[in-house]
């Protein structure tokens, strides 16, 4: 529902796909996470960076940090949504 283009330093939000201002703002939070990571020198093409973006979306939507179970569900969802991306870091320490 949105993209971050590091070459243009541009976040695009497809407003036609959103049903509310809060949903659009949630997408901005997601894409801004990618933008912030990029400007901190972190490549934004891994399942881990998608996990970070969705985790931040959850924090924005709910006003509290996701629980461990919720974060594990986010990780599982990301792995299903982005099977073509390399894993990157494992978010729960140790090896998977």
PDB file of N, CA and C in Angstrom:
ATOM      1  N   UNK A   1       0.812  -1.184   0.000  1.00  0.00           N
ATOM      2  CA  UNK A   1       0.000   0.000   0.000  1.00  0.00           C
ATOM      3  C   UNK A   1       0.861   1.255   0.000  1.00  0.00           C
ATOM      4  N   UNK A   2       2.194   1.012   0.027  1.00  0.00           N
ATOM      5  CA  UNK A   2       3.128   2.115  -0.044  1.00  0.00           C
ATOM      6  C   UNK A   2       4.496   1.605  -0.443  1.00  0.00           C
ATOM      7  N   UNK A   3       5.371   2.522  -0.810  1.00  0.00           N
ATOM      8  CA  UNK A   3       6.743   2.165  -1.186  1.00  0.00           C
ATOM      9  C   UNK A   3       7.696   3.244  -0.717  1.00  0.00           C
ATOM     10  N   UNK A   4       8.941   2.832  -0.523  1.00  0.00           N
ATOM     11  CA  UNK A   4      10.031   3.774  -0.289  1.00  0.00           C
ATOM     12  C   UNK A   4      11.034   3.607  -1.398  1.00  0.00           C
ATOM     13  N   UNK A   5      11.339   4.677  -2.107  1.00  0.00           N
ATOM     14  CA  UNK A   5      12.331   4.678  -3.179  1.00  0.00           C
ATOM     15  C   UNK A   5      13.587   5.367  -2.654  1.00  0.00           C
ATOM     16  N   UNK A   6      14.639   4.588  -2.341  1.00  0.00           N
ATOM     17  CA  UNK A   6      15.852   5.207  -1.792  1.00  0.00           C
ATOM     18  C   UNK A   6      16.569   6.108  -2.793  1.00  0.00           C
ATOM     19  N   UNK A   7      16.424   5.838  -4.081  1.00  0.00           N
ATOM     20  CA  UNK A   7      17.101   6.662  -5.083  1.00  0.00           C
ATOM     21  C   UNK A   7      16.532   8.075  -5.129  1.00  0.00           C
ATOM     22  N   UNK A   8      15.240   8.191  -4.948  1.00  0.00           N
ATOM     23  CA  UNK A   8      14.588   9.499  -4.980  1.00  0.00           C
ATOM     24  C   UNK A   8      14.329  10.046  -3.575  1.00  0.00           C
ATOM     25  N   UNK A   9      14.644   9.238  -2.545  1.00  0.00           N
ATOM     26  CA  UNK A   9      14.325   9.600  -1.165  1.00  0.00           C
ATOM     27  C   UNK A   9      12.845   9.970  -1.072  1.00  0.00           C
ATOM     28  N   UNK A  10      11.994   9.033  -1.527  1.00  0.00           N
ATOM     29  CA  UNK A  10      10.576   9.336  -1.663  1.00  0.00           C
ATOM     30  C   UNK A  10       9.724   8.188  -1.123  1.00  0.00           C
ATOM     31  N   UNK A  11       8.772   8.544  -0.280  1.00  0.00           N
ATOM     32  CA  UNK A  11       7.769   7.600   0.197  1.00  0.00           C
ATOM     33  C   UNK A  11       6.494   7.865  -0.589  1.00  0.00           C
ATOM     34  N   UNK A  12       5.919   6.808  -1.155  1.00  0.00           N
ATOM     35  CA  UNK A  12       4.665   6.916  -1.888  1.00  0.00           C
ATOM     36  C   UNK A  12       3.615   6.097  -1.151  1.00  0.00           C
ATOM     37  N   UNK A  13       2.460   6.701  -0.938  1.00  0.00           N
ATOM     38  CA  UNK A  13       1.338   6.022  -0.296  1.00  0.00           C
ATOM     39  C   UNK A  13       0.180   6.006  -1.293  1.00  0.00           C
ATOM     40  N   UNK A  14      -0.290   4.820  -1.628  1.00  0.00           N
ATOM     41  CA  UNK A  14      -1.409   4.688  -2.551  1.00  0.00           C
ATOM     42  C   UNK A  14      -2.700   4.885  -1.762  1.00  0.00           C
ATOM     43  N   UNK A  15      -3.212   6.108  -1.781  1.00  0.00           N
ATOM     44  CA  UNK A  15      -4.380   6.463  -0.980  1.00  0.00           C
ATOM     45  C   UNK A  15      -5.628   5.690  -1.389  1.00  0.00           C
ATOM     46  N   UNK A  16      -5.721   5.257  -2.636  1.00  0.00           N
ATOM     47  CA  UNK A  16      -6.896   4.519  -3.100  1.00  0.00           C
ATOM     48  C   UNK A  16      -7.035   3.165  -2.400  1.00  0.00           C
ATOM     49  N   UNK A  17      -5.938   2.655  -1.847  1.00  0.00           N
ATOM     50  CA  UNK A  17      -5.966   1.348  -1.183  1.00  0.00           C
ATOM     51  C   UNK A  17      -6.279   1.439   0.309  1.00  0.00           C
ATOM     52  N   UNK A  18      -6.402   2.655   0.836  1.00  0.00           N
ATOM     53  CA  UNK A  18      -6.625   2.839   2.270  1.00  0.00           C
ATOM     54  C   UNK A  18      -8.079   3.191   2.558  1.00  0.00           C
ATOM     55  N   UNK A  19      -8.581   2.684   3.665  1.00  0.00           N
ATOM     56  CA  UNK A  19      -9.980   2.925   4.018  1.00  0.00           C
ATOM     57  C   UNK A  19     -10.153   4.023   5.063  1.00  0.00           C
ATOM     58  N   UNK A  20      -9.031   4.536   5.610  1.00  0.00           N
ATOM     59  CA  UNK A  20      -9.135   5.581   6.629  1.00  0.00           C
ATOM     60  C   UNK A  20      -7.818   6.355   6.715  1.00  0.00           C
ATOM     61  N   UNK A  21      -7.871   7.543   7.294  1.00  0.00           N
ATOM     62  CA  UNK A  21      -6.630   8.290   7.518  1.00  0.00           C
ATOM     63  C   UNK A  21      -5.654   7.534   8.422  1.00  0.00           C
ATOM     64  N   UNK A  22      -6.173   6.838   9.430  1.00  0.00           N
ATOM     65  CA  UNK A  22      -5.294   6.069  10.319  1.00  0.00           C
ATOM     66  C   UNK A  22      -4.563   4.964   9.561  1.00  0.00           C
ATOM     67  N   UNK A  23      -5.247   4.333   8.632  1.00  0.00           N
ATOM     68  CA  UNK A  23      -4.612   3.282   7.833  1.00  0.00           C
ATOM     69  C   UNK A  23      -3.507   3.875   6.957  1.00  0.00           C
ATOM     70  N   UNK A  24      -3.754   5.039   6.369  1.00  0.00           N
ATOM     71  CA  UNK A  24      -2.735   5.710   5.557  1.00  0.00           C
ATOM     72  C   UNK A  24      -1.543   6.106   6.427  1.00  0.00           C
ATOM     73  N   UNK A  25      -1.823   6.616   7.625  1.00  0.00           N
ATOM     74  CA  UNK A  25      -0.734   6.990   8.537  1.00  0.00           C
ATOM     75  C   UNK A  25       0.083   5.762   8.939  1.00  0.00           C
ATOM     76  N   UNK A  26      -0.576   4.637   9.106  1.00  0.00           N
ATOM     77  CA  UNK A  26       0.117   3.398   9.441  1.00  0.00           C
ATOM     78  C   UNK A  26       1.083   3.004   8.324  1.00  0.00           C
ATOM     79  N   UNK A  27       0.665   3.183   7.072  1.00  0.00           N
ATOM     80  CA  UNK A  27       1.542   2.905   5.935  1.00  0.00           C
ATOM     81  C   UNK A  27       2.735   3.857   5.928  1.00  0.00           C
ATOM     82  N   UNK A  28       2.492   5.112   6.268  1.00  0.00           N
ATOM     83  CA  UNK A  28       3.605   6.076   6.340  1.00  0.00           C
ATOM     84  C   UNK A  28       4.613   5.641   7.398  1.00  0.00           C
ATOM     85  N   UNK A  29       4.122   5.169   8.544  1.00  0.00           N
ATOM     86  CA  UNK A  29       5.026   4.667   9.593  1.00  0.00           C
ATOM     87  C   UNK A  29       5.860   3.508   9.051  1.00  0.00           C
ATOM     88  N   UNK A  30       5.208   2.587   8.344  1.00  0.00           N
ATOM     89  CA  UNK A  30       5.906   1.433   7.769  1.00  0.00           C
ATOM     90  C   UNK A  30       7.014   1.890   6.824  1.00  0.00           C
ATOM     91  N   UNK A  31       6.656   2.746   5.880  1.00  0.00           N
ATOM     92  CA  UNK A  31       7.635   3.182   4.877  1.00  0.00           C
ATOM     93  C   UNK A  31       8.714   4.079   5.491  1.00  0.00           C
ATOM     94  N   UNK A  32       8.366   4.873   6.481  1.00  0.00           N
ATOM     95  CA  UNK A  32       9.354   5.708   7.162  1.00  0.00           C
ATOM     96  C   UNK A  32      10.380   4.854   7.904  1.00  0.00           C
ATOM     97  N   UNK A  33       9.959   3.679   8.372  1.00  0.00           N
ATOM     98  CA  UNK A  33      10.907   2.748   8.998  1.00  0.00           C
ATOM     99  C   UNK A  33      11.964   2.326   7.984  1.00  0.00           C
ATOM    100  N   UNK A  34      11.531   2.025   6.760  1.00  0.00           N
ATOM    101  CA  UNK A  34      12.488   1.680   5.704  1.00  0.00           C
ATOM    102  C   UNK A  34      13.403   2.863   5.396  1.00  0.00           C
ATOM    103  N   UNK A  35      12.819   4.043   5.308  1.00  0.00           N
ATOM    104  CA  UNK A  35      13.606   5.238   5.000  1.00  0.00           C
ATOM    105  C   UNK A  35      14.656   5.493   6.086  1.00  0.00           C
ATOM    106  N   UNK A  36      14.258   5.397   7.322  1.00  0.00           N
ATOM    107  CA  UNK A  36      15.188   5.601   8.432  1.00  0.00           C
ATOM    108  C   UNK A  36      16.321   4.576   8.403  1.00  0.00           C
ATOM    109  N   UNK A  37      15.975   3.324   8.189  1.00  0.00           N
ATOM    110  CA  UNK A  37      17.000   2.282   8.103  1.00  0.00           C
ATOM    111  C   UNK A  37      17.967   2.526   6.959  1.00  0.00           C
ATOM    112  N   UNK A  38      17.423   2.908   5.815  1.00  0.00           N
ATOM    113  CA  UNK A  38      18.269   3.194   4.657  1.00  0.00           C
ATOM    114  C   UNK A  38      19.277   4.288   4.990  1.00  0.00           C
ATOM    115  N   UNK A  39      18.815   5.366   5.618  1.00  0.00           N
ATOM    116  CA  UNK A  39      19.712   6.474   5.928  1.00  0.00           C
ATOM    117  C   UNK A  39      20.664   6.169   7.079  1.00  0.00           C
ATOM    118  N   UNK A  40      20.426   5.062   7.762  1.00  0.00           N
ATOM    119  CA  UNK A  40      21.382   4.573   8.760  1.00  0.00           C
ATOM    120  C   UNK A  40      22.286   3.494   8.179  1.00  0.00           C
ATOM    121  N   UNK A  41      22.248   3.327   6.854  1.00  0.00           N
ATOM    122  CA  UNK A  41      23.151   2.404   6.172  1.00  0.00           C
ATOM    123  C   UNK A  41      22.718   0.952   6.190  1.00  0.00           C
ATOM    124  N   UNK A  42      21.453   0.688   6.475  1.00  0.00           N
ATOM    125  CA  UNK A  42      20.958  -0.684   6.542  1.00  0.00           C
ATOM    126  C   UNK A  42      20.208  -1.016   5.245  1.00  0.00           C
ATOM    127  N   UNK A  43      20.689  -2.003   4.489  1.00  0.00           N
ATOM    128  CA  UNK A  43      19.966  -2.393   3.270  1.00  0.00           C
ATOM    129  C   UNK A  43      18.530  -2.804   3.614  1.00  0.00           C
ATOM    130  N   UNK A  44      17.583  -2.349   2.806  1.00  0.00           N
ATOM    131  CA  UNK A  44      16.162  -2.553   3.111  1.00  0.00           C
ATOM    132  C   UNK A  44      15.517  -3.618   2.229  1.00  0.00           C
ATOM    133  N   UNK A  45      16.195  -4.714   2.065  1.00  0.00           N
ATOM    134  CA  UNK A  45      15.663  -5.756   1.183  1.00  0.00           C
ATOM    135  C   UNK A  45      15.718  -7.128   1.844  1.00  0.00           C
ATOM    136  N   UNK A  46      15.357  -7.187   3.132  1.00  0.00           N
ATOM    137  CA  UNK A  46      15.351  -8.466   3.840  1.00  0.00           C
ATOM    138  C   UNK A  46      14.017  -8.657   4.571  1.00  0.00           C
ATOM    139  N   UNK A  47      13.757  -9.897   4.919  1.00  0.00           N
ATOM    140  CA  UNK A  47      12.574 -10.174   5.728  1.00  0.00           C
ATOM    141  C   UNK A  47      12.671  -9.459   7.069  1.00  0.00           C
ATOM    142  N   UNK A  48      13.873  -9.358   7.610  1.00  0.00           N
ATOM    143  CA  UNK A  48      14.048  -8.701   8.903  1.00  0.00           C
ATOM    144  C   UNK A  48      13.651  -7.222   8.842  1.00  0.00           C
ATOM    145  N   UNK A  49      14.027  -6.519   7.781  1.00  0.00           N
ATOM    146  CA  UNK A  49      13.660  -5.105   7.702  1.00  0.00           C
ATOM    147  C   UNK A  49      12.162  -4.933   7.473  1.00  0.00           C
ATOM    148  N   UNK A  50      11.531  -5.880   6.776  1.00  0.00           N
ATOM    149  CA  UNK A  50      10.070  -5.845   6.658  1.00  0.00           C
ATOM    150  C   UNK A  50       9.433  -6.100   8.021  1.00  0.00           C
ATOM    151  N   UNK A  51       9.994  -7.033   8.766  1.00  0.00           N
ATOM    152  CA  UNK A  51       9.503  -7.300  10.122  1.00  0.00           C
ATOM    153  C   UNK A  51       9.574  -6.035  10.971  1.00  0.00           C
ATOM    154  N   UNK A  52      10.694  -5.320  10.910  1.00  0.00           N
ATOM    155  CA  UNK A  52      10.830  -4.087  11.686  1.00  0.00           C
ATOM    156  C   UNK A  52       9.742  -3.076  11.306  1.00  0.00           C
ATOM    157  N   UNK A  53       9.487  -2.948  10.017  1.00  0.00           N
ATOM    158  CA  UNK A  53       8.489  -1.990   9.548  1.00  0.00           C
ATOM    159  C   UNK A  53       7.081  -2.382  10.019  1.00  0.00           C
ATOM    160  N   UNK A  54       6.747  -3.661   9.931  1.00  0.00           N
ATOM    161  CA  UNK A  54       5.432  -4.108  10.397  1.00  0.00           C
ATOM    162  C   UNK A  54       5.317  -4.017  11.919  1.00  0.00           C
ATOM    163  N   UNK A  55       6.402  -4.269  12.616  1.00  0.00           N
ATOM    164  CA  UNK A  55       6.403  -4.135  14.076  1.00  0.00           C
ATOM    165  C   UNK A  55       6.129  -2.683  14.474  1.00  0.00           C
ATOM    166  N   UNK A  56       6.759  -1.744  13.775  1.00  0.00           N
ATOM    167  CA  UNK A  56       6.515  -0.330  14.066  1.00  0.00           C
ATOM    168  C   UNK A  56       5.087   0.081  13.712  1.00  0.00           C
ATOM    169  N   UNK A  57       4.553  -0.498  12.656  1.00  0.00           N
ATOM    170  CA  UNK A  57       3.147  -0.255  12.314  1.00  0.00           C
ATOM    171  C   UNK A  57       2.240  -0.702  13.454  1.00  0.00           C
ATOM    172  N   UNK A  58       2.518  -1.864  14.010  1.00  0.00           N
ATOM    173  CA  UNK A  58       1.723  -2.382  15.110  1.00  0.00           C
ATOM    174  C   UNK A  58       1.796  -1.455  16.323  1.00  0.00           C
ATOM    175  N   UNK A  59       2.992  -0.967  16.624  1.00  0.00           N
ATOM    176  CA  UNK A  59       3.152  -0.016  17.721  1.00  0.00           C
ATOM    177  C   UNK A  59       2.307   1.227  17.475  1.00  0.00           C
ATOM    178  N   UNK A  60       2.335   1.747  16.260  1.00  0.00           N
ATOM    179  CA  UNK A  60       1.547   2.923  15.915  1.00  0.00           C
ATOM    180  C   UNK A  60       0.043   2.640  16.054  1.00  0.00           C
ATOM    181  N   UNK A  61      -0.401   1.511  15.518  1.00  0.00           N
ATOM    182  CA  UNK A  61      -1.830   1.191  15.502  1.00  0.00           C
ATOM    183  C   UNK A  61      -2.391   0.951  16.901  1.00  0.00           C
ATOM    184  N   UNK A  62      -1.600   0.311  17.751  1.00  0.00           N
ATOM    185  CA  UNK A  62      -2.107  -0.124  19.054  1.00  0.00           C
ATOM    186  C   UNK A  62      -1.631   0.728  20.227  1.00  0.00           C
ATOM    187  N   UNK A  63      -0.626   1.550  20.000  1.00  0.00           N
ATOM    188  CA  UNK A  63      -0.132   2.419  21.057  1.00  0.00           C
ATOM    189  C   UNK A  63       0.734   1.731  22.096  1.00  0.00           C
ATOM    190  N   UNK A  64       1.019   0.458  21.890  1.00  0.00           N
ATOM    191  CA  UNK A  64       1.896  -0.297  22.790  1.00  0.00           C
ATOM    192  C   UNK A  64       2.782  -1.217  21.953  1.00  0.00           C
ATOM    193  N   UNK A  65       3.942  -1.534  22.501  1.00  0.00           N
ATOM    194  CA  UNK A  65       4.854  -2.462  21.828  1.00  0.00           C
ATOM    195  C   UNK A  65       4.177  -3.821  21.695  1.00  0.00           C
ATOM    196  N   UNK A  66       4.299  -4.454  20.541  1.00  0.00           N
ATOM    197  CA  UNK A  66       3.694  -5.780  20.390  1.00  0.00           C
ATOM    198  C   UNK A  66       4.298  -6.781  21.378  1.00  0.00           C
ATOM    199  N   UNK A  67       3.462  -7.666  21.875  1.00  0.00           N
ATOM    200  CA  UNK A  67       3.935  -8.722  22.768  1.00  0.00           C
ATOM    201  C   UNK A  67       4.848  -9.675  21.989  1.00  0.00           C
ATOM    202  N   UNK A  68       5.522 -10.558  22.705  1.00  0.00           N
ATOM    203  CA  UNK A  68       6.373 -11.545  22.044  1.00  0.00           C
ATOM    204  C   UNK A  68       5.557 -12.395  21.076  1.00  0.00           C
ATOM    205  N   UNK A  69       4.385 -12.841  21.501  1.00  0.00           N
ATOM    206  CA  UNK A  69       3.533 -13.646  20.606  1.00  0.00           C
ATOM    207  C   UNK A  69       3.140 -12.847  19.363  1.00  0.00           C
ATOM    208  N   UNK A  70       2.785 -11.577  19.546  1.00  0.00           N
ATOM    209  CA  UNK A  70       2.418 -10.737  18.408  1.00  0.00           C
ATOM    210  C   UNK A  70       3.609 -10.533  17.475  1.00  0.00           C
ATOM    211  N   UNK A  71       4.797 -10.344  18.037  1.00  0.00           N
ATOM    212  CA  UNK A  71       5.991 -10.177  17.200  1.00  0.00           C
ATOM    213  C   UNK A  71       6.309 -11.457  16.452  1.00  0.00           C
ATOM    214  N   UNK A  72       6.121 -12.604  17.093  1.00  0.00           N
ATOM    215  CA  UNK A  72       6.337 -13.879  16.393  1.00  0.00           C
ATOM    216  C   UNK A  72       5.339 -14.041  15.251  1.00  0.00           C
ATOM    217  N   UNK A  73       4.092 -13.609  15.473  1.00  0.00           N
ATOM    218  CA  UNK A  73       3.090 -13.660  14.398  1.00  0.00           C
ATOM    219  C   UNK A  73       3.469 -12.724  13.256  1.00  0.00           C
ATOM    220  N   UNK A  74       3.972 -11.539  13.585  1.00  0.00           N
ATOM    221  CA  UNK A  74       4.431 -10.607  12.553  1.00  0.00           C
ATOM    222  C   UNK A  74       5.547 -11.255  11.749  1.00  0.00           C
ATOM    223  N   UNK A  75       6.512 -11.876  12.426  1.00  0.00           N
ATOM    224  CA  UNK A  75       7.630 -12.539  11.747  1.00  0.00           C
ATOM    225  C   UNK A  75       7.125 -13.635  10.815  1.00  0.00           C
ATOM    226  N   UNK A  76       6.195 -14.453  11.305  1.00  0.00           N
ATOM    227  CA  UNK A  76       5.655 -15.528  10.465  1.00  0.00           C
ATOM    228  C   UNK A  76       4.918 -14.960   9.250  1.00  0.00           C
ATOM    229  N   UNK A  77       4.143 -13.894   9.458  1.00  0.00           N
ATOM    230  CA  UNK A  77       3.440 -13.254   8.342  1.00  0.00           C
ATOM    231  C   UNK A  77       4.421 -12.713   7.305  1.00  0.00           C
ATOM    232  N   UNK A  78       5.485 -12.068   7.767  1.00  0.00           N
ATOM    233  CA  UNK A  78       6.487 -11.505   6.852  1.00  0.00           C
ATOM    234  C   UNK A  78       7.137 -12.611   6.034  1.00  0.00           C
ATOM    235  N   UNK A  79       7.456 -13.719   6.675  1.00  0.00           N
ATOM    236  CA  UNK A  79       8.080 -14.818   5.936  1.00  0.00           C
ATOM    237  C   UNK A  79       7.148 -15.358   4.855  1.00  0.00           C
ATOM    238  N   UNK A  80       5.843 -15.339   5.101  1.00  0.00           N
ATOM    239  CA  UNK A  80       4.882 -15.796   4.092  1.00  0.00           C
ATOM    240  C   UNK A  80       4.684 -14.751   2.996  1.00  0.00           C
ATOM    241  N   UNK A  81       4.689 -13.462   3.381  1.00  0.00           N
ATOM    242  CA  UNK A  81       4.477 -12.388   2.404  1.00  0.00           C
ATOM    243  C   UNK A  81       5.686 -12.150   1.501  1.00  0.00           C
ATOM    244  N   UNK A  82       6.886 -12.396   2.039  1.00  0.00           N
ATOM    245  CA  UNK A  82       8.120 -12.069   1.314  1.00  0.00           C
ATOM    246  C   UNK A  82       9.074 -13.265   1.252  1.00  0.00           C
ATOM    247  N   UNK A  83       8.623 -14.411   0.706  1.00  0.00           N
ATOM    248  CA  UNK A  83       9.504 -15.582   0.658  1.00  0.00           C
ATOM    249  C   UNK A  83      10.711 -15.379  -0.253  1.00  0.00           C
ATOM    250  N   UNK A  84      10.627 -14.413  -1.172  1.00  0.00           N
ATOM    251  CA  UNK A  84      11.707 -14.167  -2.113  1.00  0.00           C
ATOM    252  C   UNK A  84      12.839 -13.335  -1.506  1.00  0.00           C
ATOM    253  N   UNK A  85      12.588 -12.674  -0.374  1.00  0.00           N
ATOM    254  CA  UNK A  85      13.638 -11.861   0.252  1.00  0.00           C
ATOM    255  C   UNK A  85      14.523 -12.729   1.137  1.00  0.00           C
ATOM    256  N   UNK A  86      15.817 -12.392   1.213  1.00  0.00           N
ATOM    257  CA  UNK A  86      16.670 -13.112   2.166  1.00  0.00           C
ATOM    258  C   UNK A  86      16.223 -12.787   3.591  1.00  0.00           C
ATOM    259  N   UNK A  87      16.478 -13.695   4.507  1.00  0.00           N
ATOM    260  CA  UNK A  87      16.023 -13.504   5.883  1.00  0.00           C
ATOM    261  C   UNK A  87      16.670 -12.296   6.542  1.00  0.00           C
ATOM    262  N   UNK A  88      17.963 -12.122   6.388  1.00  0.00           N
ATOM    263  CA  UNK A  88      18.647 -11.089   7.165  1.00  0.00           C
ATOM    264  C   UNK A  88      18.790 -11.582   8.592  1.00  0.00           C
ATOM    265  N   UNK A  89      18.716 -10.690   9.544  1.00  0.00           N
ATOM    266  CA  UNK A  89      18.804 -11.077  10.957  1.00  0.00           C
ATOM    267  C   UNK A  89      17.575 -11.867  11.373  1.00  0.00           C
ATOM    268  N   UNK A  90      17.760 -12.680  12.410  1.00  0.00           N
ATOM    269  CA  UNK A  90      16.633 -13.355  13.049  1.00  0.00           C
ATOM    270  C   UNK A  90      16.237 -12.500  14.246  1.00  0.00           C
ATOM    271  N   UNK A  91      14.966 -12.073  14.338  1.00  0.00           N
ATOM    272  CA  UNK A  91      14.591 -11.060  15.321  1.00  0.00           C
ATOM    273  C   UNK A  91      14.538 -11.519  16.775  1.00  0.00           C
ATOM    274  N   UNK A  92      14.676 -12.794  17.041  1.00  0.00           N
ATOM    275  CA  UNK A  92      14.498 -13.272  18.393  1.00  0.00           C
ATOM    276  C   UNK A  92      15.789 -13.824  19.012  1.00  0.00           C
ATOM    277  N   UNK A  93      16.925 -13.391  18.490  1.00  0.00           N
ATOM    278  CA  UNK A  93      18.209 -13.846  19.034  1.00  0.00           C
ATOM    279  C   UNK A  93      18.520 -15.265  18.620  1.00  0.00           C
ATOM    280  N   UNK A  94      19.768 -15.613  18.680  1.00  0.00           N
ATOM    281  CA  UNK A  94      20.171 -16.976  18.330  1.00  0.00           C
ATOM    282  C   UNK A  94      19.943 -17.263  16.855  1.00  0.00           C
ATOM    283  N   UNK A  95      19.853 -18.520  16.540  1.00  0.00           N
ATOM    284  CA  UNK A  95      19.631 -18.966  15.165  1.00  0.00           C
ATOM    285  C   UNK A  95      18.242 -19.546  15.044  1.00  0.00           C
ATOM    286  N   UNK A  96      17.697 -19.423  13.861  1.00  0.00           N
ATOM    287  CA  UNK A  96      16.383 -20.012  13.617  1.00  0.00           C
ATOM    288  C   UNK A  96      16.559 -21.403  13.090  1.00  0.00           C
TER     289      UNK A  96
END
